[in-house]
Structure formats: C-alpha cells, structure tokens
Amino acid sequence: MKKKVFLVVLAITVVSAVCVKKSMKGVRLTDLGLENVEALAADNEGTSVGTCYLEEPTSSDRDHKLFCDRRTDNSTIYPCPQTTTYGPYLENSRDRCTK
C-alpha cells in the first residue's frame, strides 16, 4: 500500500514539474521588464531624475525644450521626453521627470 501511495505522489510530482517547465518555456521579459528587474537588483535605492519644462500657454518665450508630461503633478512624475518640442515656457517653470 505504501508503495502505491509513493508511486502516485511521485507521478504527480513529475507531471507537475513537466507542466511548469513547459509553461515557463515561452516566458520572455520586455526591455522595460528587464530594466525593472535590474533596478530592483541594483544597490542604489533611488531613481535617476532629470528636468523638464512645464508648458506655459501665456508665455511669449518659445523654444525647443523637453516638456514634461501634462499629467505631472506634486504626487506623480513621468519619464523624461526623448526629444525636444517647440512650445511656450518660462525659464523658472520646471519640474522633475524620471530618466
């Protein structure tokens, strides 16, 4: 009787291991996922930040700048833009963005 129970448990374990291995075969992380894993594994505890400009529609100063995401506020910041855009700004109207 003990031998039959052992064989059943062994069979269930082997089948489970094969299923897990097959299900993990197609798993791939995106670049963002890999960056997140690397950031969690890194020794530093902070996040690199940059500076972006807030768009100021009433300003007469216009130039190519890195403008912040419009949703940026005191509680949430967004990734820094990759390219400059042309728009109105004030030199002292800046905020943070994540690099």
PDB file of N, CA and C in Angstrom:
ATOM      1  N   MET A   1       0.826  -1.191   0.000  1.00  0.00           N
ATOM      2  CA  MET A   1       0.000   0.000   0.000  1.00  0.00           C
ATOM      3  C   MET A   1       0.868   1.252   0.000  1.00  0.00           C
ATOM      4  N   LYS A   2       1.924   1.268   0.839  1.00  0.00           N
ATOM      5  CA  LYS A   2       2.800   2.425   0.898  1.00  0.00           C
ATOM      6  C   LYS A   2       3.504   2.654  -0.433  1.00  0.00           C
ATOM      7  N   LYS A   3       3.814   1.544  -1.112  1.00  0.00           N
ATOM      8  CA  LYS A   3       4.492   1.649  -2.392  1.00  0.00           C
ATOM      9  C   LYS A   3       3.591   2.310  -3.429  1.00  0.00           C
ATOM     10  N   LYS A   4       2.291   1.996  -3.426  1.00  0.00           N
ATOM     11  CA  LYS A   4       1.342   2.589  -4.372  1.00  0.00           C
ATOM     12  C   LYS A   4       1.172   4.088  -4.099  1.00  0.00           C
ATOM     13  N   VAL A   5       1.077   4.476  -2.840  1.00  0.00           N
ATOM     14  CA  VAL A   5       0.936   5.887  -2.484  1.00  0.00           C
ATOM     15  C   VAL A   5       2.188   6.655  -2.915  1.00  0.00           C
ATOM     16  N   PHE A   6       3.363   6.046  -2.676  1.00  0.00           N
ATOM     17  CA  PHE A   6       4.606   6.687  -3.077  1.00  0.00           C
ATOM     18  C   PHE A   6       4.653   6.877  -4.587  1.00  0.00           C
ATOM     19  N   LEU A   7       4.244   5.876  -5.355  1.00  0.00           N
ATOM     20  CA  LEU A   7       4.252   5.971  -6.815  1.00  0.00           C
ATOM     21  C   LEU A   7       3.282   7.039  -7.312  1.00  0.00           C
ATOM     22  N   VAL A   8       2.115   7.146  -6.681  1.00  0.00           N
ATOM     23  CA  VAL A   8       1.138   8.171  -7.070  1.00  0.00           C
ATOM     24  C   VAL A   8       1.702   9.568  -6.802  1.00  0.00           C
ATOM     25  N   VAL A   9       2.280   9.765  -5.636  1.00  0.00           N
ATOM     26  CA  VAL A   9       2.879  11.061  -5.287  1.00  0.00           C
ATOM     27  C   VAL A   9       4.027  11.379  -6.245  1.00  0.00           C
ATOM     28  N   LEU A  10       4.853  10.400  -6.559  1.00  0.00           N
ATOM     29  CA  LEU A  10       5.953  10.598  -7.487  1.00  0.00           C
ATOM     30  C   LEU A  10       5.436  10.973  -8.873  1.00  0.00           C
ATOM     31  N   ALA A  11       4.402  10.297  -9.341  1.00  0.00           N
ATOM     32  CA  ALA A  11       3.834  10.590 -10.658  1.00  0.00           C
ATOM     33  C   ALA A  11       3.270  12.006 -10.710  1.00  0.00           C
ATOM     34  N   ILE A  12       2.568  12.425  -9.668  1.00  0.00           N
ATOM     35  CA  ILE A  12       2.002  13.782  -9.622  1.00  0.00           C
ATOM     36  C   ILE A  12       3.127  14.822  -9.629  1.00  0.00           C
ATOM     37  N   THR A  13       4.188  14.556  -8.896  1.00  0.00           N
ATOM     38  CA  THR A  13       5.323  15.475  -8.842  1.00  0.00           C
ATOM     39  C   THR A  13       5.986  15.612 -10.210  1.00  0.00           C
ATOM     40  N   VAL A  14       6.192  14.500 -10.891  1.00  0.00           N
ATOM     41  CA  VAL A  14       6.831  14.520 -12.209  1.00  0.00           C
ATOM     42  C   VAL A  14       5.954  15.265 -13.214  1.00  0.00           C
ATOM     43  N   VAL A  15       4.662  14.986 -13.221  1.00  0.00           N
ATOM     44  CA  VAL A  15       3.743  15.656 -14.143  1.00  0.00           C
ATOM     45  C   VAL A  15       3.716  17.162 -13.856  1.00  0.00           C
ATOM     46  N   SER A  16       3.690  17.536 -12.599  1.00  0.00           N
ATOM     47  CA  SER A  16       3.702  18.961 -12.227  1.00  0.00           C
ATOM     48  C   SER A  16       4.974  19.640 -12.701  1.00  0.00           C
ATOM     49  N   ALA A  17       6.105  19.000 -12.518  1.00  0.00           N
ATOM     50  CA  ALA A  17       7.374  19.579 -12.938  1.00  0.00           C
ATOM     51  C   ALA A  17       7.427  19.773 -14.454  1.00  0.00           C
ATOM     52  N   VAL A  18       6.932  18.804 -15.198  1.00  0.00           N
ATOM     53  CA  VAL A  18       6.909  18.907 -16.664  1.00  0.00           C
ATOM     54  C   VAL A  18       5.989  20.053 -17.099  1.00  0.00           C
ATOM     55  N   CYS A  19       4.836  20.185 -16.469  1.00  0.00           N
ATOM     56  CA  CYS A  19       3.900  21.270 -16.818  1.00  0.00           C
ATOM     57  C   CYS A  19       4.497  22.644 -16.523  1.00  0.00           C
ATOM     58  N   VAL A  20       5.147  22.784 -15.402  1.00  0.00           N
ATOM     59  CA  VAL A  20       5.777  24.062 -15.045  1.00  0.00           C
ATOM     60  C   VAL A  20       6.879  24.391 -16.038  1.00  0.00           C
ATOM     61  N   LYS A  21       7.683  23.411 -16.383  1.00  0.00           N
ATOM     62  CA  LYS A  21       8.779  23.648 -17.330  1.00  0.00           C
ATOM     63  C   LYS A  21       8.236  24.074 -18.688  1.00  0.00           C
ATOM     64  N   LYS A  22       7.180  23.416 -19.164  1.00  0.00           N
ATOM     65  CA  LYS A  22       6.592  23.786 -20.453  1.00  0.00           C
ATOM     66  C   LYS A  22       5.980  25.177 -20.416  1.00  0.00           C
ATOM     67  N   SER A  23       5.339  25.527 -19.316  1.00  0.00           N
ATOM     68  CA  SER A  23       4.699  26.838 -19.240  1.00  0.00           C
ATOM     69  C   SER A  23       5.726  27.959 -19.144  1.00  0.00           C
ATOM     70  N   MET A  24       6.904  27.707 -18.605  1.00  0.00           N
ATOM     71  CA  MET A  24       7.943  28.725 -18.488  1.00  0.00           C
ATOM     72  C   MET A  24       8.768  28.860 -19.759  1.00  0.00           C
ATOM     73  N   LYS A  25       8.640  27.935 -20.672  1.00  0.00           N
ATOM     74  CA  LYS A  25       9.461  27.931 -21.871  1.00  0.00           C
ATOM     75  C   LYS A  25       9.247  29.176 -22.720  1.00  0.00           C
ATOM     76  N   GLY A  26       8.021  29.664 -22.821  1.00  0.00           N
ATOM     77  CA  GLY A  26       7.715  30.804 -23.684  1.00  0.00           C
ATOM     78  C   GLY A  26       7.740  32.146 -22.981  1.00  0.00           C
ATOM     79  N   VAL A  27       8.163  32.211 -21.726  1.00  0.00           N
ATOM     80  CA  VAL A  27       8.149  33.464 -20.978  1.00  0.00           C
ATOM     81  C   VAL A  27       9.357  34.306 -21.374  1.00  0.00           C
ATOM     82  N   ARG A  28       9.078  35.546 -21.791  1.00  0.00           N
ATOM     83  CA  ARG A  28      10.149  36.484 -22.137  1.00  0.00           C
ATOM     84  C   ARG A  28       9.827  37.822 -21.511  1.00  0.00           C
ATOM     85  N   LEU A  29      10.834  38.475 -20.989  1.00  0.00           N
ATOM     86  CA  LEU A  29      10.645  39.793 -20.405  1.00  0.00           C
ATOM     87  C   LEU A  29      10.887  40.862 -21.458  1.00  0.00           C
ATOM     88  N   THR A  30      10.101  41.911 -21.413  1.00  0.00           N
ATOM     89  CA  THR A  30      10.323  43.046 -22.299  1.00  0.00           C
ATOM     90  C   THR A  30      11.529  43.831 -21.796  1.00  0.00           C
ATOM     91  N   ASP A  31      11.986  44.778 -22.605  1.00  0.00           N
ATOM     92  CA  ASP A  31      13.106  45.622 -22.174  1.00  0.00           C
ATOM     93  C   ASP A  31      12.763  46.357 -20.889  1.00  0.00           C
ATOM     94  N   LEU A  32      11.534  46.861 -20.797  1.00  0.00           N
ATOM     95  CA  LEU A  32      11.116  47.566 -19.591  1.00  0.00           C
ATOM     96  C   LEU A  32      11.116  46.622 -18.396  1.00  0.00           C
ATOM     97  N   GLY A  33      10.647  45.406 -18.584  1.00  0.00           N
ATOM     98  CA  GLY A  33      10.655  44.426 -17.509  1.00  0.00           C
ATOM     99  C   GLY A  33      12.071  44.111 -17.045  1.00  0.00           C
ATOM    100  N   LEU A  34      12.983  43.977 -18.000  1.00  0.00           N
ATOM    101  CA  LEU A  34      14.383  43.718 -17.644  1.00  0.00           C
ATOM    102  C   LEU A  34      14.990  44.905 -16.905  1.00  0.00           C
ATOM    103  N   GLU A  35      14.661  46.129 -17.348  1.00  0.00           N
ATOM    104  CA  GLU A  35      15.163  47.316 -16.648  1.00  0.00           C
ATOM    105  C   GLU A  35      14.637  47.362 -15.216  1.00  0.00           C
ATOM    106  N   ASN A  36      13.376  46.980 -15.027  1.00  0.00           N
ATOM    107  CA  ASN A  36      12.799  46.967 -13.680  1.00  0.00           C
ATOM    108  C   ASN A  36      13.504  45.948 -12.796  1.00  0.00           C
ATOM    109  N   VAL A  37      13.783  44.778 -13.339  1.00  0.00           N
ATOM    110  CA  VAL A  37      14.487  43.749 -12.570  1.00  0.00           C
ATOM    111  C   VAL A  37      15.884  44.237 -12.210  1.00  0.00           C
ATOM    112  N   GLU A  38      16.571  44.863 -13.175  1.00  0.00           N
ATOM    113  CA  GLU A  38      17.911  45.379 -12.903  1.00  0.00           C
ATOM    114  C   GLU A  38      17.868  46.477 -11.847  1.00  0.00           C
ATOM    115  N   ALA A  39      16.864  47.334 -11.921  1.00  0.00           N
ATOM    116  CA  ALA A  39      16.752  48.421 -10.941  1.00  0.00           C
ATOM    117  C   ALA A  39      16.506  47.869  -9.542  1.00  0.00           C
ATOM    118  N   LEU A  40      15.681  46.834  -9.444  1.00  0.00           N
ATOM    119  CA  LEU A  40      15.420  46.231  -8.138  1.00  0.00           C
ATOM    120  C   LEU A  40      16.655  45.533  -7.588  1.00  0.00           C
ATOM    121  N   ALA A  41      17.467  44.991  -8.476  1.00  0.00           N
ATOM    122  CA  ALA A  41      18.655  44.271  -8.042  1.00  0.00           C
ATOM    123  C   ALA A  41      19.827  45.199  -7.737  1.00  0.00           C
ATOM    124  N   ALA A  42      19.765  46.420  -8.215  1.00  0.00           N
ATOM    125  CA  ALA A  42      20.879  47.357  -8.023  1.00  0.00           C
ATOM    126  C   ALA A  42      21.009  47.744  -6.552  1.00  0.00           C
ATOM    127  N   ASP A  43      22.215  48.142  -6.189  1.00  0.00           N
ATOM    128  CA  ASP A  43      22.477  48.539  -4.809  1.00  0.00           C
ATOM    129  C   ASP A  43      21.865  49.888  -4.463  1.00  0.00           C
ATOM    130  N   ASN A  44      21.761  50.774  -5.462  1.00  0.00           N
ATOM    131  CA  ASN A  44      21.214  52.099  -5.145  1.00  0.00           C
ATOM    132  C   ASN A  44      19.708  52.011  -4.920  1.00  0.00           C
ATOM    133  N   GLU A  45      19.206  52.874  -4.069  1.00  0.00           N
ATOM    134  CA  GLU A  45      17.792  52.818  -3.721  1.00  0.00           C
ATOM    135  C   GLU A  45      16.975  53.902  -4.396  1.00  0.00           C
ATOM    136  N   GLY A  46      17.624  54.807  -5.111  1.00  0.00           N
ATOM    137  CA  GLY A  46      16.920  55.928  -5.709  1.00  0.00           C
ATOM    138  C   GLY A  46      16.616  55.720  -7.181  1.00  0.00           C
ATOM    139  N   THR A  47      15.932  56.694  -7.740  1.00  0.00           N
ATOM    140  CA  THR A  47      15.604  56.712  -9.150  1.00  0.00           C
ATOM    141  C   THR A  47      16.242  57.939  -9.769  1.00  0.00           C
ATOM    142  N   SER A  48      16.905  57.771 -10.895  1.00  0.00           N
ATOM    143  CA  SER A  48      17.520  58.901 -11.573  1.00  0.00           C
ATOM    144  C   SER A  48      16.440  59.833 -12.097  1.00  0.00           C
ATOM    145  N   VAL A  49      16.669  61.141 -11.916  1.00  0.00           N
ATOM    146  CA  VAL A  49      15.692  62.117 -12.389  1.00  0.00           C
ATOM    147  C   VAL A  49      16.361  63.140 -13.292  1.00  0.00           C
ATOM    148  N   GLY A  50      15.563  63.770 -14.103  1.00  0.00           N
ATOM    149  CA  GLY A  50      16.010  64.844 -14.971  1.00  0.00           C
ATOM    150  C   GLY A  50      15.104  66.041 -14.776  1.00  0.00           C
ATOM    151  N   THR A  51      15.273  67.046 -15.624  1.00  0.00           N
ATOM    152  CA  THR A  51      14.468  68.260 -15.545  1.00  0.00           C
ATOM    153  C   THR A  51      13.749  68.466 -16.868  1.00  0.00           C
ATOM    154  N   CYS A  52      12.496  68.833 -16.774  1.00  0.00           N
ATOM    155  CA  CYS A  52      11.721  69.161 -17.962  1.00  0.00           C
ATOM    156  C   CYS A  52      10.976  70.467 -17.699  1.00  0.00           C
ATOM    157  N   TYR A  53      10.521  71.100 -18.753  1.00  0.00           N
ATOM    158  CA  TYR A  53       9.814  72.375 -18.645  1.00  0.00           C
ATOM    159  C   TYR A  53       8.310  72.153 -18.668  1.00  0.00           C
ATOM    160  N   LEU A  54       7.611  72.965 -17.911  1.00  0.00           N
ATOM    161  CA  LEU A  54       6.156  72.960 -17.945  1.00  0.00           C
ATOM    162  C   LEU A  54       5.714  73.917 -19.047  1.00  0.00           C
ATOM    163  N   GLU A  55       4.761  73.493 -19.845  1.00  0.00           N
ATOM    164  CA  GLU A  55       4.260  74.383 -20.889  1.00  0.00           C
ATOM    165  C   GLU A  55       3.462  75.515 -20.255  1.00  0.00           C
ATOM    166  N   GLU A  56       3.736  76.720 -20.669  1.00  0.00           N
ATOM    167  CA  GLU A  56       3.055  77.922 -20.162  1.00  0.00           C
ATOM    168  C   GLU A  56       2.400  78.641 -21.337  1.00  0.00           C
ATOM    169  N   PRO A  57       1.126  78.353 -21.603  1.00  0.00           N
ATOM    170  CA  PRO A  57       0.461  78.908 -22.783  1.00  0.00           C
ATOM    171  C   PRO A  57       0.483  80.436 -22.870  1.00  0.00           C
ATOM    172  N   THR A  58       0.557  81.123 -21.736  1.00  0.00           N
ATOM    173  CA  THR A  58       0.512  82.584 -21.760  1.00  0.00           C
ATOM    174  C   THR A  58       1.881  83.208 -21.977  1.00  0.00           C
ATOM    175  N   SER A  59       2.939  82.406 -22.007  1.00  0.00           N
ATOM    176  CA  SER A  59       4.290  82.940 -22.147  1.00  0.00           C
ATOM    177  C   SER A  59       4.591  83.318 -23.594  1.00  0.00           C
ATOM    178  N   SER A  60       5.347  84.383 -23.761  1.00  0.00           N
ATOM    179  CA  SER A  60       5.765  84.776 -25.110  1.00  0.00           C
ATOM    180  C   SER A  60       7.091  84.118 -25.488  1.00  0.00           C
ATOM    181  N   ASP A  61       7.790  83.531 -24.502  1.00  0.00           N
ATOM    182  CA  ASP A  61       9.035  82.809 -24.781  1.00  0.00           C
ATOM    183  C   ASP A  61       8.710  81.448 -25.375  1.00  0.00           C
ATOM    184  N   ARG A  62       9.279  81.174 -26.527  1.00  0.00           N
ATOM    185  CA  ARG A  62       9.051  79.892 -27.196  1.00  0.00           C
ATOM    186  C   ARG A  62      10.393  79.361 -27.678  1.00  0.00           C
ATOM    187  N   ASP A  63      10.571  78.058 -27.506  1.00  0.00           N
ATOM    188  CA  ASP A  63      11.820  77.442 -27.946  1.00  0.00           C
ATOM    189  C   ASP A  63      11.631  75.928 -27.952  1.00  0.00           C
ATOM    190  N   HIS A  64      12.638  75.240 -28.460  1.00  0.00           N
ATOM    191  CA  HIS A  64      12.646  73.777 -28.419  1.00  0.00           C
ATOM    192  C   HIS A  64      13.135  73.355 -27.039  1.00  0.00           C
ATOM    193  N   LYS A  65      12.280  72.696 -26.271  1.00  0.00           N
ATOM    194  CA  LYS A  65      12.598  72.264 -24.906  1.00  0.00           C
ATOM    195  C   LYS A  65      12.088  70.844 -24.690  1.00  0.00           C
ATOM    196  N   LEU A  66      12.560  70.239 -23.610  1.00  0.00           N
ATOM    197  CA  LEU A  66      11.996  68.963 -23.156  1.00  0.00           C
ATOM    198  C   LEU A  66      10.814  69.319 -22.256  1.00  0.00           C
ATOM    199  N   PHE A  67       9.601  69.147 -22.756  1.00  0.00           N
ATOM    200  CA  PHE A  67       8.412  69.500 -21.988  1.00  0.00           C
ATOM    201  C   PHE A  67       7.902  68.296 -21.202  1.00  0.00           C
ATOM    202  N   CYS A  68       7.540  68.548 -19.945  1.00  0.00           N
ATOM    203  CA  CYS A  68       7.016  67.499 -19.056  1.00  0.00           C
ATOM    204  C   CYS A  68       5.694  66.960 -19.577  1.00  0.00           C
ATOM    205  N   ASP A  69       5.399  65.735 -19.188  1.00  0.00           N
ATOM    206  CA  ASP A  69       4.085  65.160 -19.441  1.00  0.00           C
ATOM    207  C   ASP A  69       3.048  66.047 -18.758  1.00  0.00           C
ATOM    208  N   ARG A  70       1.964  66.331 -19.413  1.00  0.00           N
ATOM    209  CA  ARG A  70       0.950  67.245 -18.866  1.00  0.00           C
ATOM    210  C   ARG A  70       0.305  66.722 -17.586  1.00  0.00           C
ATOM    211  N   ARG A  71       0.414  65.429 -17.335  1.00  0.00           N
ATOM    212  CA  ARG A  71      -0.184  64.853 -16.120  1.00  0.00           C
ATOM    213  C   ARG A  71       0.719  64.987 -14.895  1.00  0.00           C
ATOM    214  N   THR A  72       1.944  65.489 -15.064  1.00  0.00           N
ATOM    215  CA  THR A  72       2.870  65.643 -13.945  1.00  0.00           C
ATOM    216  C   THR A  72       2.276  66.578 -12.903  1.00  0.00           C
ATOM    217  N   ASP A  73       2.296  66.145 -11.648  1.00  0.00           N
ATOM    218  CA  ASP A  73       1.830  66.997 -10.554  1.00  0.00           C
ATOM    219  C   ASP A  73       2.695  66.704  -9.324  1.00  0.00           C
ATOM    220  N   ASN A  74       2.301  67.183  -8.165  1.00  0.00           N
ATOM    221  CA  ASN A  74       3.107  67.009  -6.958  1.00  0.00           C
ATOM    222  C   ASN A  74       3.218  65.561  -6.500  1.00  0.00           C
ATOM    223  N   SER A  75       2.312  64.694  -6.931  1.00  0.00           N
ATOM    224  CA  SER A  75       2.338  63.316  -6.454  1.00  0.00           C
ATOM    225  C   SER A  75       2.816  62.309  -7.497  1.00  0.00           C
ATOM    226  N   THR A  76       2.898  62.714  -8.762  1.00  0.00           N
ATOM    227  CA  THR A  76       3.269  61.772  -9.814  1.00  0.00           C
ATOM    228  C   THR A  76       4.160  62.451 -10.839  1.00  0.00           C
ATOM    229  N   ILE A  77       5.275  61.779 -11.189  1.00  0.00           N
ATOM    230  CA  ILE A  77       6.113  62.273 -12.273  1.00  0.00           C
ATOM    231  C   ILE A  77       6.211  61.190 -13.334  1.00  0.00           C
ATOM    232  N   TYR A  78       6.563  61.595 -14.525  1.00  0.00           N
ATOM    233  CA  TYR A  78       6.584  60.687 -15.672  1.00  0.00           C
ATOM    234  C   TYR A  78       7.974  60.672 -16.300  1.00  0.00           C
ATOM    235  N   PRO A  79       8.223  59.726 -17.212  1.00  0.00           N
ATOM    236  CA  PRO A  79       9.535  59.661 -17.861  1.00  0.00           C
ATOM    237  C   PRO A  79       9.856  60.955 -18.614  1.00  0.00           C
ATOM    238  N   CYS A  80      11.140  61.291 -18.630  1.00  0.00           N
ATOM    239  CA  CYS A  80      11.594  62.460 -19.385  1.00  0.00           C
ATOM    240  C   CYS A  80      11.341  62.216 -20.872  1.00  0.00           C
ATOM    241  N   PRO A  81      10.965  63.256 -21.604  1.00  0.00           N
ATOM    242  CA  PRO A  81      10.754  63.087 -23.043  1.00  0.00           C
ATOM    243  C   PRO A  81      12.071  62.736 -23.742  1.00  0.00           C
ATOM    244  N   GLN A  82      11.965  62.047 -24.841  1.00  0.00           N
ATOM    245  CA  GLN A  82      13.140  61.626 -25.606  1.00  0.00           C
ATOM    246  C   GLN A  82      13.649  62.723 -26.535  1.00  0.00           C
ATOM    247  N   THR A  83      12.746  63.601 -26.981  1.00  0.00           N
ATOM    248  CA  THR A  83      13.128  64.646 -27.927  1.00  0.00           C
ATOM    249  C   THR A  83      12.512  65.974 -27.504  1.00  0.00           C
ATOM    250  N   THR A  84      13.100  67.036 -27.989  1.00  0.00           N
ATOM    251  CA  THR A  84      12.566  68.363 -27.701  1.00  0.00           C
ATOM    252  C   THR A  84      11.373  68.653 -28.604  1.00  0.00           C
ATOM    253  N   THR A  85      10.506  69.528 -28.124  1.00  0.00           N
ATOM    254  CA  THR A  85       9.397  70.021 -28.937  1.00  0.00           C
ATOM    255  C   THR A  85       9.369  71.534 -28.807  1.00  0.00           C
ATOM    256  N   TYR A  86       8.724  72.178 -29.754  1.00  0.00           N
ATOM    257  CA  TYR A  86       8.652  73.634 -29.759  1.00  0.00           C
ATOM    258  C   TYR A  86       7.396  74.068 -29.018  1.00  0.00           C
ATOM    259  N   GLY A  87       7.563  74.973 -28.072  1.00  0.00           N
ATOM    260  CA  GLY A  87       6.394  75.423 -27.339  1.00  0.00           C
ATOM    261  C   GLY A  87       6.707  76.557 -26.390  1.00  0.00           C
ATOM    262  N   PRO A  88       5.657  77.093 -25.742  1.00  0.00           N
ATOM    263  CA  PRO A  88       5.826  78.203 -24.804  1.00  0.00           C
ATOM    264  C   PRO A  88       6.295  77.701 -23.437  1.00  0.00           C
ATOM    265  N   TYR A  89       7.155  78.477 -22.794  1.00  0.00           N
ATOM    266  CA  TYR A  89       7.700  78.072 -21.498  1.00  0.00           C
ATOM    267  C   TYR A  89       8.141  79.308 -20.724  1.00  0.00           C
ATOM    268  N   LEU A  90       8.355  79.133 -19.438  1.00  0.00           N
ATOM    269  CA  LEU A  90       9.004  80.126 -18.589  1.00  0.00           C
ATOM    270  C   LEU A  90      10.264  79.475 -18.053  1.00  0.00           C
ATOM    271  N   GLU A  91      11.358  80.194 -18.036  1.00  0.00           N
ATOM    272  CA  GLU A  91      12.639  79.623 -17.618  1.00  0.00           C
ATOM    273  C   GLU A  91      12.584  79.041 -16.205  1.00  0.00           C
ATOM    274  N   ASN A  92      11.814  79.657 -15.313  1.00  0.00           N
ATOM    275  CA  ASN A  92      11.751  79.157 -13.933  1.00  0.00           C
ATOM    276  C   ASN A  92      10.592  78.194 -13.698  1.00  0.00           C
ATOM    277  N   SER A  93       9.925  77.770 -14.743  1.00  0.00           N
ATOM    278  CA  SER A  93       8.792  76.840 -14.627  1.00  0.00           C
ATOM    279  C   SER A  93       9.231  75.454 -15.076  1.00  0.00           C
ATOM    280  N   ARG A  94       9.879  74.725 -14.173  1.00  0.00           N
ATOM    281  CA  ARG A  94      10.399  73.390 -14.480  1.00  0.00           C
ATOM    282  C   ARG A  94       9.898  72.391 -13.461  1.00  0.00           C
ATOM    283  N   ASP A  95      10.042  71.128 -13.800  1.00  0.00           N
ATOM    284  CA  ASP A  95       9.672  70.062 -12.876  1.00  0.00           C
ATOM    285  C   ASP A  95      10.601  68.883 -13.092  1.00  0.00           C
ATOM    286  N   ARG A  96      10.349  67.824 -12.346  1.00  0.00           N
ATOM    287  CA  ARG A  96      11.171  66.609 -12.446  1.00  0.00           C
ATOM    288  C   ARG A  96      10.552  65.622 -13.411  1.00  0.00           C
ATOM    289  N   CYS A  97      11.418  64.791 -13.978  1.00  0.00           N
ATOM    290  CA  CYS A  97      10.986  63.650 -14.786  1.00  0.00           C
ATOM    291  C   CYS A  97      11.961  62.515 -14.513  1.00  0.00           C
ATOM    292  N   THR A  98      11.542  61.299 -14.730  1.00  0.00           N
ATOM    293  CA  THR A  98      12.418  60.150 -14.469  1.00  0.00           C
ATOM    294  C   THR A  98      13.229  59.823 -15.710  1.00  0.00           C
ATOM    295  N   LYS A  99      14.488  59.508 -15.506  1.00  0.00           N
ATOM    296  CA  LYS A  99      15.366  59.145 -16.634  1.00  0.00           C
ATOM    297  C   LYS A  99      15.254  57.680 -16.938  1.00  0.00           C
TER     298      LYS A  99
END
